[in-house]
Amino acid sequence: MVLRQFRDEQLLTNEAGRVLVNLYYTYSPPVADFISKHTVLRMLTRWFLTPIVLIVSYPLAFTANLLIIVSILIIKLYYHIRKGDCSIVRNDKVV
């Protein structure tokens, strides 16, 4: 339901999205048929699609969490570089 709404409200409203949807409907039936016959592929597909569904369902929460994670990583890198214990920078040389 979430992905259908995303398709209708976001993808089908512009040319690039319509092209993507057309490609999906052209190539996905044989791919889906192949996946349906393999248990491991069904499981991997669900694992792959779950974060996509969550991102589409909660874009603001995803963006906020992504910004927090990126900010923490930048701050951590900054302090490692200032302390001089970052492995990519040694004695003013990039390793």
N, C-alpha and C. Protein backbone atom coordinates (compact mmCIF):
# COMPACT_ATOMS: atom_id res chain seq x y z
N MET A 1 0.82 -1.20 0.00
CA MET A 1 0.00 0.00 0.00
C MET A 1 0.87 1.27 0.00
N VAL A 2 1.91 1.27 0.82
CA VAL A 2 2.79 2.43 0.93
C VAL A 2 3.51 2.68 -0.39
N LEU A 3 4.02 1.62 -1.01
CA LEU A 3 4.74 1.79 -2.26
C LEU A 3 3.81 2.20 -3.40
N ARG A 4 2.57 1.73 -3.37
CA ARG A 4 1.59 2.16 -4.39
C ARG A 4 1.31 3.65 -4.26
N GLN A 5 1.14 4.10 -3.04
CA GLN A 5 0.90 5.52 -2.80
C GLN A 5 2.10 6.35 -3.26
N PHE A 6 3.31 5.88 -2.96
CA PHE A 6 4.52 6.56 -3.40
C PHE A 6 4.57 6.62 -4.94
N ARG A 7 4.25 5.50 -5.57
CA ARG A 7 4.23 5.48 -7.04
C ARG A 7 3.25 6.51 -7.59
N ASP A 8 2.02 6.51 -7.04
CA ASP A 8 0.98 7.39 -7.55
C ASP A 8 1.25 8.86 -7.28
N GLU A 9 1.73 9.17 -6.08
CA GLU A 9 1.89 10.56 -5.67
C GLU A 9 3.24 11.17 -6.02
N GLN A 10 4.27 10.34 -6.17
CA GLN A 10 5.61 10.87 -6.42
C GLN A 10 6.13 10.51 -7.81
N LEU A 11 6.07 9.23 -8.14
CA LEU A 11 6.71 8.79 -9.39
C LEU A 11 5.90 9.14 -10.63
N LEU A 12 4.60 8.94 -10.57
CA LEU A 12 3.78 9.17 -11.77
C LEU A 12 3.51 10.64 -12.05
N THR A 13 4.03 11.52 -11.22
CA THR A 13 3.79 12.95 -11.42
C THR A 13 4.88 13.63 -12.24
N ASN A 14 5.90 12.86 -12.67
CA ASN A 14 6.96 13.45 -13.48
C ASN A 14 7.46 12.44 -14.50
N GLU A 15 8.12 12.93 -15.52
CA GLU A 15 8.55 12.08 -16.64
C GLU A 15 9.53 11.00 -16.20
N ALA A 16 10.53 11.37 -15.42
CA ALA A 16 11.52 10.38 -14.98
C ALA A 16 10.86 9.28 -14.16
N GLY A 17 9.93 9.66 -13.30
CA GLY A 17 9.21 8.66 -12.51
C GLY A 17 8.38 7.74 -13.37
N ARG A 18 7.72 8.29 -14.37
CA ARG A 18 6.91 7.46 -15.28
C ARG A 18 7.79 6.47 -16.05
N VAL A 19 8.97 6.92 -16.47
CA VAL A 19 9.90 6.01 -17.15
C VAL A 19 10.30 4.88 -16.21
N LEU A 20 10.62 5.22 -14.97
CA LEU A 20 11.00 4.22 -13.98
C LEU A 20 9.88 3.22 -13.74
N VAL A 21 8.65 3.70 -13.61
CA VAL A 21 7.51 2.82 -13.39
C VAL A 21 7.30 1.91 -14.59
N ASN A 22 7.43 2.46 -15.80
CA ASN A 22 7.28 1.63 -17.00
C ASN A 22 8.35 0.55 -17.08
N LEU A 23 9.59 0.90 -16.73
CA LEU A 23 10.65 -0.11 -16.70
C LEU A 23 10.34 -1.18 -15.67
N TYR A 24 9.85 -0.75 -14.51
CA TYR A 24 9.49 -1.70 -13.46
C TYR A 24 8.43 -2.68 -13.95
N TYR A 25 7.38 -2.18 -14.56
CA TYR A 25 6.30 -3.06 -15.03
C TYR A 25 6.73 -3.92 -16.21
N THR A 26 7.73 -3.50 -16.94
CA THR A 26 8.24 -4.31 -18.06
C THR A 26 9.08 -5.47 -17.56
N TYR A 27 9.98 -5.19 -16.61
CA TYR A 27 10.96 -6.20 -16.20
C TYR A 27 10.63 -6.93 -14.91
N SER A 28 9.78 -6.40 -14.06
CA SER A 28 9.56 -7.03 -12.76
C SER A 28 8.79 -8.34 -12.80
N PRO A 29 7.81 -8.56 -13.69
CA PRO A 29 7.09 -9.84 -13.63
C PRO A 29 7.98 -11.08 -13.76
N PRO A 30 8.91 -11.15 -14.73
CA PRO A 30 9.76 -12.34 -14.77
C PRO A 30 10.72 -12.42 -13.57
N VAL A 31 11.20 -11.27 -13.11
CA VAL A 31 12.08 -11.26 -11.94
C VAL A 31 11.31 -11.73 -10.71
N ALA A 32 10.09 -11.22 -10.54
CA ALA A 32 9.26 -11.63 -9.39
C ALA A 32 8.93 -13.12 -9.45
N ASP A 33 8.68 -13.62 -10.64
CA ASP A 33 8.40 -15.05 -10.80
C ASP A 33 9.62 -15.87 -10.39
N PHE A 34 10.80 -15.45 -10.81
CA PHE A 34 12.03 -16.15 -10.43
C PHE A 34 12.25 -16.10 -8.92
N ILE A 35 12.08 -14.93 -8.33
CA ILE A 35 12.26 -14.76 -6.88
C ILE A 35 11.28 -15.63 -6.11
N SER A 36 10.05 -15.71 -6.59
CA SER A 36 9.02 -16.47 -5.87
C SER A 36 9.35 -17.95 -5.76
N LYS A 37 10.21 -18.45 -6.61
CA LYS A 37 10.57 -19.88 -6.61
C LYS A 37 11.78 -20.19 -5.75
N HIS A 38 12.38 -19.17 -5.13
CA HIS A 38 13.60 -19.37 -4.35
C HIS A 38 13.44 -18.73 -2.97
N THR A 39 13.45 -19.55 -1.96
CA THR A 39 13.23 -19.09 -0.58
C THR A 39 14.24 -18.04 -0.15
N VAL A 40 15.50 -18.27 -0.45
CA VAL A 40 16.54 -17.33 -0.03
C VAL A 40 16.34 -15.98 -0.73
N LEU A 41 16.00 -16.01 -2.00
CA LEU A 41 15.79 -14.75 -2.72
C LEU A 41 14.57 -14.00 -2.18
N ARG A 42 13.53 -14.74 -1.79
CA ARG A 42 12.35 -14.08 -1.19
C ARG A 42 12.76 -13.37 0.10
N MET A 43 13.55 -14.06 0.92
CA MET A 43 13.99 -13.47 2.18
C MET A 43 14.87 -12.24 1.93
N LEU A 44 15.81 -12.34 0.99
CA LEU A 44 16.69 -11.20 0.68
C LEU A 44 15.90 -10.02 0.12
N THR A 45 14.90 -10.32 -0.69
CA THR A 45 14.07 -9.25 -1.25
C THR A 45 13.32 -8.53 -0.15
N ARG A 46 12.78 -9.28 0.79
CA ARG A 46 12.08 -8.64 1.93
C ARG A 46 13.05 -7.78 2.74
N TRP A 47 14.26 -8.30 2.99
CA TRP A 47 15.25 -7.52 3.74
C TRP A 47 15.61 -6.25 2.99
N PHE A 48 15.72 -6.34 1.68
CA PHE A 48 16.07 -5.17 0.87
C PHE A 48 14.92 -4.16 0.83
N LEU A 49 13.70 -4.65 0.73
CA LEU A 49 12.54 -3.74 0.60
C LEU A 49 12.12 -3.11 1.92
N THR A 50 12.36 -3.76 3.04
CA THR A 50 11.92 -3.22 4.33
C THR A 50 12.44 -1.81 4.59
N PRO A 51 13.74 -1.54 4.46
CA PRO A 51 14.18 -0.16 4.70
C PRO A 51 13.61 0.82 3.68
N ILE A 52 13.40 0.37 2.46
CA ILE A 52 12.82 1.26 1.45
C ILE A 52 11.40 1.64 1.84
N VAL A 53 10.62 0.67 2.30
CA VAL A 53 9.25 0.95 2.74
C VAL A 53 9.27 1.89 3.94
N LEU A 54 10.20 1.68 4.87
CA LEU A 54 10.28 2.57 6.04
C LEU A 54 10.68 3.98 5.63
N ILE A 55 11.61 4.11 4.70
CA ILE A 55 12.03 5.44 4.24
C ILE A 55 10.88 6.16 3.56
N VAL A 56 10.14 5.44 2.72
CA VAL A 56 8.99 6.04 2.03
C VAL A 56 7.88 6.38 3.02
N SER A 57 7.70 5.52 4.03
CA SER A 57 6.64 5.75 5.02
C SER A 57 6.95 6.89 5.97
N TYR A 58 8.22 7.02 6.34
CA TYR A 58 8.62 8.02 7.34
C TYR A 58 9.81 8.84 6.84
N PRO A 59 9.64 9.62 5.79
CA PRO A 59 10.79 10.35 5.22
C PRO A 59 11.39 11.36 6.18
N LEU A 60 10.58 12.02 6.98
CA LEU A 60 11.11 13.02 7.92
C LEU A 60 11.95 12.34 9.00
N ALA A 61 11.47 11.25 9.54
CA ALA A 61 12.22 10.52 10.56
C ALA A 61 13.53 9.97 9.98
N PHE A 62 13.47 9.47 8.75
CA PHE A 62 14.68 8.96 8.10
C PHE A 62 15.71 10.08 7.93
N THR A 63 15.24 11.22 7.43
CA THR A 63 16.14 12.35 7.20
C THR A 63 16.76 12.83 8.50
N ALA A 64 15.94 12.94 9.54
CA ALA A 64 16.45 13.39 10.85
C ALA A 64 17.49 12.41 11.38
N ASN A 65 17.21 11.12 11.31
CA ASN A 65 18.16 10.12 11.79
C ASN A 65 19.44 10.13 10.97
N LEU A 66 19.31 10.28 9.67
CA LEU A 66 20.49 10.33 8.81
C LEU A 66 21.35 11.55 9.16
N LEU A 67 20.73 12.69 9.37
CA LEU A 67 21.48 13.89 9.74
C LEU A 67 22.20 13.72 11.07
N ILE A 68 21.53 13.09 12.02
CA ILE A 68 22.16 12.85 13.33
C ILE A 68 23.36 11.93 13.18
N ILE A 69 23.21 10.85 12.44
CA ILE A 69 24.30 9.90 12.26
C ILE A 69 25.48 10.55 11.53
N VAL A 70 25.21 11.28 10.47
CA VAL A 70 26.27 11.95 9.72
C VAL A 70 26.97 12.99 10.61
N SER A 71 26.20 13.72 11.38
CA SER A 71 26.79 14.72 12.29
C SER A 71 27.71 14.07 13.31
N ILE A 72 27.27 12.97 13.88
CA ILE A 72 28.10 12.26 14.87
C ILE A 72 29.39 11.78 14.22
N LEU A 73 29.29 11.23 13.02
CA LEU A 73 30.49 10.75 12.33
C LEU A 73 31.45 11.89 12.00
N ILE A 74 30.93 13.03 11.59
CA ILE A 74 31.78 14.18 11.28
C ILE A 74 32.46 14.69 12.54
N ILE A 75 31.72 14.79 13.62
CA ILE A 75 32.31 15.25 14.89
C ILE A 75 33.39 14.28 15.36
N LYS A 76 33.11 12.98 15.28
CA LYS A 76 34.10 11.98 15.68
C LYS A 76 35.36 12.08 14.83
N LEU A 77 35.20 12.22 13.53
CA LEU A 77 36.35 12.35 12.64
C LEU A 77 37.13 13.62 12.96
N TYR A 78 36.44 14.71 13.22
CA TYR A 78 37.09 15.97 13.55
C TYR A 78 37.97 15.81 14.80
N TYR A 79 37.42 15.17 15.85
CA TYR A 79 38.20 15.00 17.08
C TYR A 79 39.36 14.04 16.89
N HIS A 80 39.19 13.01 16.08
CA HIS A 80 40.30 12.09 15.81
C HIS A 80 41.42 12.81 15.06
N ILE A 81 41.05 13.63 14.11
CA ILE A 81 42.06 14.39 13.35
C ILE A 81 42.77 15.38 14.26
N ARG A 82 42.02 16.07 15.12
CA ARG A 82 42.64 17.04 16.04
C ARG A 82 43.59 16.38 17.02
N LYS A 83 43.23 15.17 17.47
CA LYS A 83 44.10 14.45 18.41
C LYS A 83 45.29 13.83 17.69
N GLY A 84 45.22 13.73 16.38
CA GLY A 84 46.32 13.17 15.62
C GLY A 84 46.31 11.66 15.56
N ASP A 85 45.20 11.03 15.95
CA ASP A 85 45.17 9.57 15.90
C ASP A 85 44.27 9.02 14.79
N CYS A 86 44.12 9.83 13.76
CA CYS A 86 43.34 9.38 12.60
C CYS A 86 44.30 8.71 11.64
N SER A 87 43.99 7.51 11.19
CA SER A 87 44.91 6.73 10.37
C SER A 87 45.12 7.31 8.97
N ILE A 88 44.25 8.21 8.53
CA ILE A 88 44.45 8.75 7.19
C ILE A 88 45.36 9.97 7.18
N VAL A 89 45.64 10.53 8.35
CA VAL A 89 46.52 11.70 8.41
C VAL A 89 47.61 11.42 9.45
N ARG A 90 48.87 11.43 9.02
CA ARG A 90 50.00 11.22 9.91
C ARG A 90 51.10 12.23 9.57
N ASN A 91 51.50 13.01 10.54
CA ASN A 91 52.60 13.97 10.35
C ASN A 91 52.40 14.84 9.11
N ASP A 92 51.22 15.40 9.00
CA ASP A 92 50.87 16.30 7.90
C ASP A 92 50.95 15.62 6.53
N LYS A 93 50.91 14.29 6.50
CA LYS A 93 50.90 13.56 5.23
C LYS A 93 49.64 12.70 5.17
N VAL A 94 49.08 12.64 3.99
CA VAL A 94 47.94 11.75 3.80
C VAL A 94 48.47 10.38 3.46
N VAL A 95 48.04 9.37 4.21
CA VAL A 95 48.53 8.00 4.02
C VAL A 95 47.64 7.27 3.06
